[in-house]
């Protein structure tokens, strides 16, 4: 699905008009129409405006992903780094990393109970 098709779909799903969206984003209606009809392509700033407005990922908007919604990791640099390293590991190493994460979580939970700390 092209960017313009995704944009039109999001506009429809949100029950707004192109005119309303152009006002919300302080964009000329003809510019927005050009994006929706595939005559124009948005720059990076405009892509992030659309992503923020519709609460979807830029990857989804440009057709790189079929999953529209942002993950929590996309807002957390440390989580993004962890995911980057995870994806570079072999399947066996990935499983080992997951085992370690489970142990850390168990340790973290037991440590809070013993000290009486709450988060």
Protein backbone atom coordinates (compact mmCIF):
# COMPACT_ATOMS: atom_id res chain seq x y z
CA UNK A 1 0.00 0.00 0.00
CA UNK A 2 1.39 3.40 -0.96
CA UNK A 3 1.84 6.33 1.40
CA UNK A 4 -1.12 8.14 -0.16
CA UNK A 5 -3.37 5.10 0.27
CA UNK A 6 -2.30 4.74 3.90
CA UNK A 7 -2.94 8.41 4.49
CA UNK A 8 -6.43 8.21 2.98
CA UNK A 9 -7.17 5.11 5.05
CA UNK A 10 -6.09 6.82 8.28
CA UNK A 11 -8.17 9.87 7.45
CA UNK A 12 -11.23 7.67 6.88
CA UNK A 13 -10.62 5.56 9.98
CA UNK A 14 -10.40 8.68 12.10
CA UNK A 15 -13.60 10.13 10.67
CA UNK A 16 -12.06 13.40 9.56
CA UNK A 17 -11.78 15.18 6.25
CA UNK A 18 -8.63 16.18 4.43
CA UNK A 19 -9.60 19.79 5.06
CA UNK A 20 -9.81 19.17 8.82
CA UNK A 21 -6.45 17.43 8.83
CA UNK A 22 -4.82 20.19 6.81
CA UNK A 23 -6.10 22.74 9.36
CA UNK A 24 -4.89 20.61 12.30
CA UNK A 25 -1.41 20.29 10.80
CA UNK A 26 -1.28 23.85 9.46
CA UNK A 27 -0.84 22.57 5.91
CA UNK A 28 -2.31 23.82 2.65
CA UNK A 29 -5.26 21.61 1.58
CA UNK A 30 -3.72 21.27 -1.88
CA UNK A 31 -0.48 20.00 -0.34
CA UNK A 32 -2.32 17.38 1.69
CA UNK A 33 -4.33 16.38 -1.37
CA UNK A 34 -1.07 15.93 -3.29
CA UNK A 35 0.20 13.55 -0.59
CA UNK A 36 -3.06 11.60 -0.49
CA UNK A 37 -3.23 11.27 -4.28
CA UNK A 38 0.43 10.38 -4.75
CA UNK A 39 1.45 13.56 -6.57
CA UNK A 40 3.76 14.66 -3.77
CA UNK A 41 5.92 12.98 -1.18
CA UNK A 42 6.28 14.38 2.34
CA UNK A 43 9.60 15.33 3.87
CA UNK A 44 10.78 13.79 7.15
CA UNK A 45 9.24 16.50 9.31
CA UNK A 46 5.85 16.10 7.63
CA UNK A 47 6.02 12.31 8.00
CA UNK A 48 6.58 12.71 11.73
CA UNK A 49 3.65 15.14 11.91
CA UNK A 50 1.37 12.53 10.34
CA UNK A 51 2.78 9.77 12.57
CA UNK A 52 2.24 11.86 15.70
CA UNK A 53 -1.23 12.93 14.67
CA UNK A 54 -2.46 9.40 13.90
CA UNK A 55 -0.29 7.73 16.57
CA UNK A 56 1.27 5.33 14.07
CA UNK A 57 4.86 4.58 13.15
CA UNK A 58 6.60 6.24 10.22
CA UNK A 59 7.44 2.70 9.05
CA UNK A 60 3.73 2.02 8.72
CA UNK A 61 3.10 5.27 6.85
CA UNK A 62 5.74 4.57 4.23
CA UNK A 63 4.74 0.92 3.78
CA UNK A 64 7.77 -0.60 5.48
CA UNK A 65 5.60 -2.25 8.14
CA UNK A 66 2.09 -3.64 8.21
CA UNK A 67 1.82 -2.91 11.93
CA UNK A 68 0.45 0.60 12.33
CA UNK A 69 0.98 1.24 15.99
CA UNK A 70 4.13 2.39 17.64
CA UNK A 71 5.80 0.12 20.10
CA UNK A 72 6.88 1.31 23.47
CA UNK A 73 10.45 0.66 22.37
CA UNK A 74 10.19 3.34 19.70
CA UNK A 75 10.00 5.93 22.49
CA UNK A 76 12.76 4.39 24.65
CA UNK A 77 16.33 4.59 23.37
CA UNK A 78 17.64 1.86 25.71
CA UNK A 79 14.89 -0.52 24.59
CA UNK A 80 15.68 0.24 20.96
CA UNK A 81 19.36 -0.55 21.57
CA UNK A 82 18.47 -3.80 23.32
CA UNK A 83 16.26 -4.81 20.41
CA UNK A 84 19.04 -3.93 17.95
CA UNK A 85 21.49 -6.22 19.79
CA UNK A 86 18.89 -8.98 20.13
CA UNK A 87 18.27 -9.01 16.38
CA UNK A 88 22.02 -9.41 15.73
CA UNK A 89 22.25 -12.58 17.86
CA UNK A 90 21.99 -16.19 16.73
CA UNK A 91 18.79 -18.07 17.68
CA UNK A 92 20.60 -19.87 20.53
CA UNK A 93 22.03 -16.62 21.87
CA UNK A 94 18.61 -14.97 21.65
CA UNK A 95 17.15 -17.72 23.82
CA UNK A 96 19.99 -17.29 26.30
CA UNK A 97 19.34 -13.54 26.45
CA UNK A 98 15.64 -14.18 27.10
CA UNK A 99 16.53 -16.60 29.89
CA UNK A 100 18.76 -13.96 31.46
CA UNK A 101 16.01 -11.37 31.19
CA UNK A 102 13.59 -13.74 32.97
CA UNK A 103 16.13 -14.26 35.76
CA UNK A 104 16.67 -10.51 36.13
CA UNK A 105 12.95 -9.93 36.31
CA UNK A 106 12.58 -12.64 38.96
CA UNK A 107 15.48 -11.17 40.92
CA UNK A 108 14.03 -7.68 40.64
CA UNK A 109 10.64 -8.84 41.90
CA UNK A 110 12.06 -10.79 44.82
CA UNK A 111 14.33 -7.89 45.76
CA UNK A 112 11.40 -5.49 46.01
CA UNK A 113 9.41 -7.88 48.21
CA UNK A 114 12.30 -8.32 50.64
CA UNK A 115 13.07 -4.62 50.97
CA UNK A 116 9.45 -3.55 50.91
CA UNK A 117 10.08 -1.11 48.07
CA UNK A 118 7.34 -0.31 45.59
CA UNK A 119 7.71 1.12 42.12
